[in-house]
Amino acid sequence: MRNFTAWTILAFVFLLAGEGFNLFRIHIELWLAYGHWQDVVWTVFGLILGFVATAWLGGFIYYRDKKRNKIQREGWRGRPVKRSR
């Protein structure tokens, strides 16, 4: 059940990001065609919604991988960093 809840949240946020970028795309075309100021507001709202949802997805995945100890610090040219004590 926990897996299903996590996948549902991820799918919802993914669709929300897609809808935000879709709003941006549609209303930028309408603004360029007709020049209504409401389209600018919807364009900015769609862009913010898309970026916030994408950032949330990235943070969710980063937090999950960090919790499972799958993130390693890389040095120059992708070599692992040796920790000196």
N, C-alpha and C. Protein backbone atom coordinates (compact mmCIF):
# COMPACT_ATOMS: atom_id res chain seq x y z
N MET A 1 0.82 -1.19 0.00
CA MET A 1 0.00 0.00 0.00
C MET A 1 0.87 1.26 0.00
N ARG A 2 2.01 1.19 0.70
CA ARG A 2 2.90 2.35 0.77
C ARG A 2 3.49 2.66 -0.60
N ASN A 3 3.82 1.62 -1.36
CA ASN A 3 4.34 1.80 -2.71
C ASN A 3 3.30 2.45 -3.61
N PHE A 4 2.06 2.02 -3.49
CA PHE A 4 0.99 2.57 -4.31
C PHE A 4 0.78 4.05 -4.00
N THR A 5 0.85 4.41 -2.74
CA THR A 5 0.69 5.81 -2.35
C THR A 5 1.81 6.66 -2.92
N ALA A 6 3.04 6.17 -2.84
CA ALA A 6 4.17 6.92 -3.38
C ALA A 6 4.05 7.09 -4.90
N TRP A 7 3.67 6.03 -5.58
CA TRP A 7 3.51 6.13 -7.04
C TRP A 7 2.37 7.06 -7.42
N THR A 8 1.31 7.06 -6.64
CA THR A 8 0.19 7.95 -6.90
C THR A 8 0.60 9.41 -6.74
N ILE A 9 1.35 9.71 -5.69
CA ILE A 9 1.84 11.07 -5.48
C ILE A 9 2.76 11.49 -6.62
N LEU A 10 3.68 10.61 -7.01
CA LEU A 10 4.59 10.93 -8.10
C LEU A 10 3.84 11.15 -9.42
N ALA A 11 2.87 10.31 -9.70
CA ALA A 11 2.11 10.47 -10.95
C ALA A 11 1.32 11.77 -10.94
N PHE A 12 0.73 12.12 -9.81
CA PHE A 12 -0.04 13.36 -9.71
C PHE A 12 0.85 14.58 -9.93
N VAL A 13 2.01 14.60 -9.30
CA VAL A 13 2.92 15.75 -9.46
C VAL A 13 3.48 15.79 -10.87
N PHE A 14 3.75 14.64 -11.46
CA PHE A 14 4.22 14.59 -12.85
C PHE A 14 3.17 15.17 -13.80
N LEU A 15 1.91 14.80 -13.60
CA LEU A 15 0.83 15.34 -14.44
C LEU A 15 0.63 16.83 -14.19
N LEU A 16 0.82 17.26 -12.95
CA LEU A 16 0.71 18.68 -12.63
C LEU A 16 1.80 19.48 -13.33
N ALA A 17 3.02 18.96 -13.37
CA ALA A 17 4.10 19.63 -14.09
C ALA A 17 3.80 19.68 -15.58
N GLY A 18 3.29 18.60 -16.13
CA GLY A 18 2.93 18.59 -17.54
C GLY A 18 1.84 19.58 -17.86
N GLU A 19 0.86 19.69 -16.98
CA GLU A 19 -0.22 20.66 -17.19
C GLU A 19 0.31 22.09 -17.10
N GLY A 20 1.26 22.33 -16.20
CA GLY A 20 1.85 23.66 -16.10
C GLY A 20 2.57 24.07 -17.37
N PHE A 21 3.38 23.17 -17.91
CA PHE A 21 4.09 23.48 -19.15
C PHE A 21 3.14 23.57 -20.34
N ASN A 22 2.05 22.81 -20.29
CA ASN A 22 1.05 22.90 -21.35
C ASN A 22 0.33 24.25 -21.30
N LEU A 23 0.00 24.72 -20.10
CA LEU A 23 -0.60 26.06 -19.95
C LEU A 23 0.33 27.12 -20.52
N PHE A 24 1.62 26.99 -20.20
CA PHE A 24 2.60 27.93 -20.72
C PHE A 24 2.60 27.93 -22.25
N ARG A 25 2.62 26.77 -22.84
CA ARG A 25 2.69 26.65 -24.29
C ARG A 25 1.45 27.24 -24.97
N ILE A 26 0.29 26.89 -24.46
CA ILE A 26 -0.95 27.36 -25.08
C ILE A 26 -1.10 28.87 -24.97
N HIS A 27 -0.86 29.40 -23.78
CA HIS A 27 -1.13 30.82 -23.57
C HIS A 27 -0.04 31.72 -24.14
N ILE A 28 1.16 31.22 -24.34
CA ILE A 28 2.16 32.05 -25.02
C ILE A 28 1.77 32.20 -26.49
N GLU A 29 1.21 31.14 -27.08
CA GLU A 29 0.73 31.24 -28.46
C GLU A 29 -0.45 32.20 -28.57
N LEU A 30 -1.38 32.11 -27.62
CA LEU A 30 -2.53 33.02 -27.64
C LEU A 30 -2.10 34.47 -27.43
N TRP A 31 -1.12 34.69 -26.56
CA TRP A 31 -0.64 36.05 -26.32
C TRP A 31 0.04 36.61 -27.56
N LEU A 32 0.83 35.78 -28.23
CA LEU A 32 1.48 36.24 -29.45
C LEU A 32 0.47 36.51 -30.56
N ALA A 33 -0.62 35.76 -30.58
CA ALA A 33 -1.62 35.93 -31.64
C ALA A 33 -2.54 37.12 -31.38
N TYR A 34 -3.00 37.27 -30.12
CA TYR A 34 -4.03 38.27 -29.84
C TYR A 34 -3.58 39.39 -28.91
N GLY A 35 -2.59 39.15 -28.07
CA GLY A 35 -2.05 40.19 -27.20
C GLY A 35 -2.86 40.52 -25.97
N HIS A 36 -3.69 39.60 -25.47
CA HIS A 36 -4.46 39.85 -24.25
C HIS A 36 -3.56 39.71 -23.02
N TRP A 37 -3.74 40.58 -22.05
CA TRP A 37 -2.88 40.55 -20.87
C TRP A 37 -3.17 39.33 -19.98
N GLN A 38 -4.38 38.77 -20.05
CA GLN A 38 -4.71 37.59 -19.25
C GLN A 38 -3.86 36.40 -19.67
N ASP A 39 -3.49 36.35 -20.94
CA ASP A 39 -2.66 35.24 -21.41
C ASP A 39 -1.26 35.31 -20.81
N VAL A 40 -0.78 36.52 -20.55
CA VAL A 40 0.53 36.67 -19.90
C VAL A 40 0.47 36.12 -18.48
N VAL A 41 -0.62 36.41 -17.78
CA VAL A 41 -0.78 35.92 -16.40
C VAL A 41 -0.83 34.39 -16.40
N TRP A 42 -1.61 33.80 -17.31
CA TRP A 42 -1.69 32.34 -17.39
C TRP A 42 -0.36 31.72 -17.80
N THR A 43 0.39 32.42 -18.66
CA THR A 43 1.71 31.93 -19.07
C THR A 43 2.65 31.86 -17.89
N VAL A 44 2.69 32.93 -17.11
CA VAL A 44 3.57 32.96 -15.93
C VAL A 44 3.13 31.91 -14.91
N PHE A 45 1.83 31.78 -14.70
CA PHE A 45 1.32 30.77 -13.77
C PHE A 45 1.70 29.36 -14.22
N GLY A 46 1.55 29.08 -15.50
CA GLY A 46 1.91 27.76 -16.02
C GLY A 46 3.39 27.47 -15.90
N LEU A 47 4.22 28.49 -16.14
CA LEU A 47 5.66 28.31 -16.02
C LEU A 47 6.06 28.05 -14.57
N ILE A 48 5.49 28.81 -13.65
CA ILE A 48 5.78 28.61 -12.23
C ILE A 48 5.30 27.24 -11.77
N LEU A 49 4.10 26.85 -12.17
CA LEU A 49 3.56 25.54 -11.80
C LEU A 49 4.44 24.41 -12.33
N GLY A 50 4.88 24.52 -13.58
CA GLY A 50 5.73 23.49 -14.15
C GLY A 50 7.07 23.39 -13.45
N PHE A 51 7.69 24.53 -13.16
CA PHE A 51 9.00 24.50 -12.50
C PHE A 51 8.91 24.03 -11.05
N VAL A 52 7.88 24.45 -10.35
CA VAL A 52 7.73 24.01 -8.95
C VAL A 52 7.48 22.51 -8.88
N ALA A 53 6.63 22.00 -9.74
CA ALA A 53 6.35 20.55 -9.73
C ALA A 53 7.58 19.75 -10.14
N THR A 54 8.34 20.25 -11.12
CA THR A 54 9.56 19.56 -11.53
C THR A 54 10.61 19.58 -10.42
N ALA A 55 10.73 20.72 -9.73
CA ALA A 55 11.67 20.81 -8.61
C ALA A 55 11.25 19.88 -7.48
N TRP A 56 9.96 19.76 -7.24
CA TRP A 56 9.48 18.86 -6.19
C TRP A 56 9.81 17.41 -6.54
N LEU A 57 9.63 17.04 -7.80
CA LEU A 57 9.97 15.68 -8.23
C LEU A 57 11.46 15.41 -8.05
N GLY A 58 12.29 16.38 -8.44
CA GLY A 58 13.73 16.22 -8.27
C GLY A 58 14.13 16.09 -6.82
N GLY A 59 13.53 16.90 -5.96
CA GLY A 59 13.82 16.82 -4.53
C GLY A 59 13.35 15.51 -3.93
N PHE A 60 12.21 15.02 -4.37
CA PHE A 60 11.68 13.75 -3.88
C PHE A 60 12.63 12.61 -4.23
N ILE A 61 13.09 12.58 -5.46
CA ILE A 61 14.00 11.52 -5.90
C ILE A 61 15.34 11.64 -5.20
N TYR A 62 15.85 12.88 -5.05
CA TYR A 62 17.12 13.09 -4.35
C TYR A 62 17.02 12.64 -2.90
N TYR A 63 15.94 13.00 -2.20
CA TYR A 63 15.76 12.61 -0.81
C TYR A 63 15.66 11.09 -0.68
N ARG A 64 14.93 10.45 -1.60
CA ARG A 64 14.79 8.99 -1.56
C ARG A 64 16.13 8.30 -1.74
N ASP A 65 16.91 8.76 -2.73
CA ASP A 65 18.21 8.14 -2.98
C ASP A 65 19.19 8.42 -1.85
N LYS A 66 19.12 9.60 -1.25
CA LYS A 66 20.00 9.92 -0.13
C LYS A 66 19.66 9.05 1.08
N LYS A 67 18.36 8.81 1.29
CA LYS A 67 17.92 7.98 2.40
C LYS A 67 18.40 6.54 2.22
N ARG A 68 18.45 6.06 0.98
CA ARG A 68 18.90 4.69 0.69
C ARG A 68 20.40 4.60 0.50
N ASN A 69 21.11 5.70 0.72
CA ASN A 69 22.57 5.77 0.63
C ASN A 69 23.07 5.42 -0.77
N LYS A 70 22.40 5.94 -1.79
CA LYS A 70 22.80 5.68 -3.18
C LYS A 70 23.51 6.87 -3.81
N ILE A 71 23.67 7.96 -3.07
CA ILE A 71 24.32 9.15 -3.60
C ILE A 71 25.77 9.16 -3.14
N GLN A 72 26.68 9.27 -4.11
CA GLN A 72 28.10 9.34 -3.79
C GLN A 72 28.65 10.65 -4.31
N ARG A 73 29.57 11.20 -3.57
CA ARG A 73 30.21 12.44 -3.98
C ARG A 73 31.29 12.11 -5.00
N GLU A 74 31.28 12.85 -6.12
CA GLU A 74 32.27 12.62 -7.16
C GLU A 74 33.26 13.76 -7.20
N GLY A 75 34.47 13.42 -7.51
CA GLY A 75 35.51 14.43 -7.63
C GLY A 75 35.76 14.80 -9.07
N TRP A 76 36.99 15.14 -9.34
CA TRP A 76 37.39 15.57 -10.67
C TRP A 76 37.29 14.42 -11.65
N ARG A 77 36.69 14.63 -12.81
CA ARG A 77 36.49 13.63 -13.87
C ARG A 77 35.69 12.41 -13.39
N GLY A 78 34.83 12.59 -12.43
CA GLY A 78 33.94 11.52 -12.00
C GLY A 78 34.56 10.50 -11.08
N ARG A 79 35.79 10.75 -10.64
CA ARG A 79 36.43 9.80 -9.72
C ARG A 79 35.84 9.97 -8.32
N PRO A 80 35.69 8.87 -7.59
CA PRO A 80 35.17 8.99 -6.22
C PRO A 80 36.14 9.76 -5.34
N VAL A 81 35.60 10.50 -4.40
CA VAL A 81 36.42 11.28 -3.48
C VAL A 81 36.78 10.40 -2.31
N LYS A 82 38.08 10.35 -2.00
CA LYS A 82 38.54 9.58 -0.85
C LYS A 82 38.52 10.49 0.37
N ARG A 83 37.89 10.02 1.40
CA ARG A 83 37.80 10.81 2.63
C ARG A 83 39.00 10.50 3.51
N SER A 84 39.72 11.53 3.85
CA SER A 84 40.88 11.35 4.73
C SER A 84 40.46 11.64 6.16
N ARG A 85 40.99 10.83 7.06
CA ARG A 85 40.63 10.99 8.48
C ARG A 85 41.80 11.45 9.27
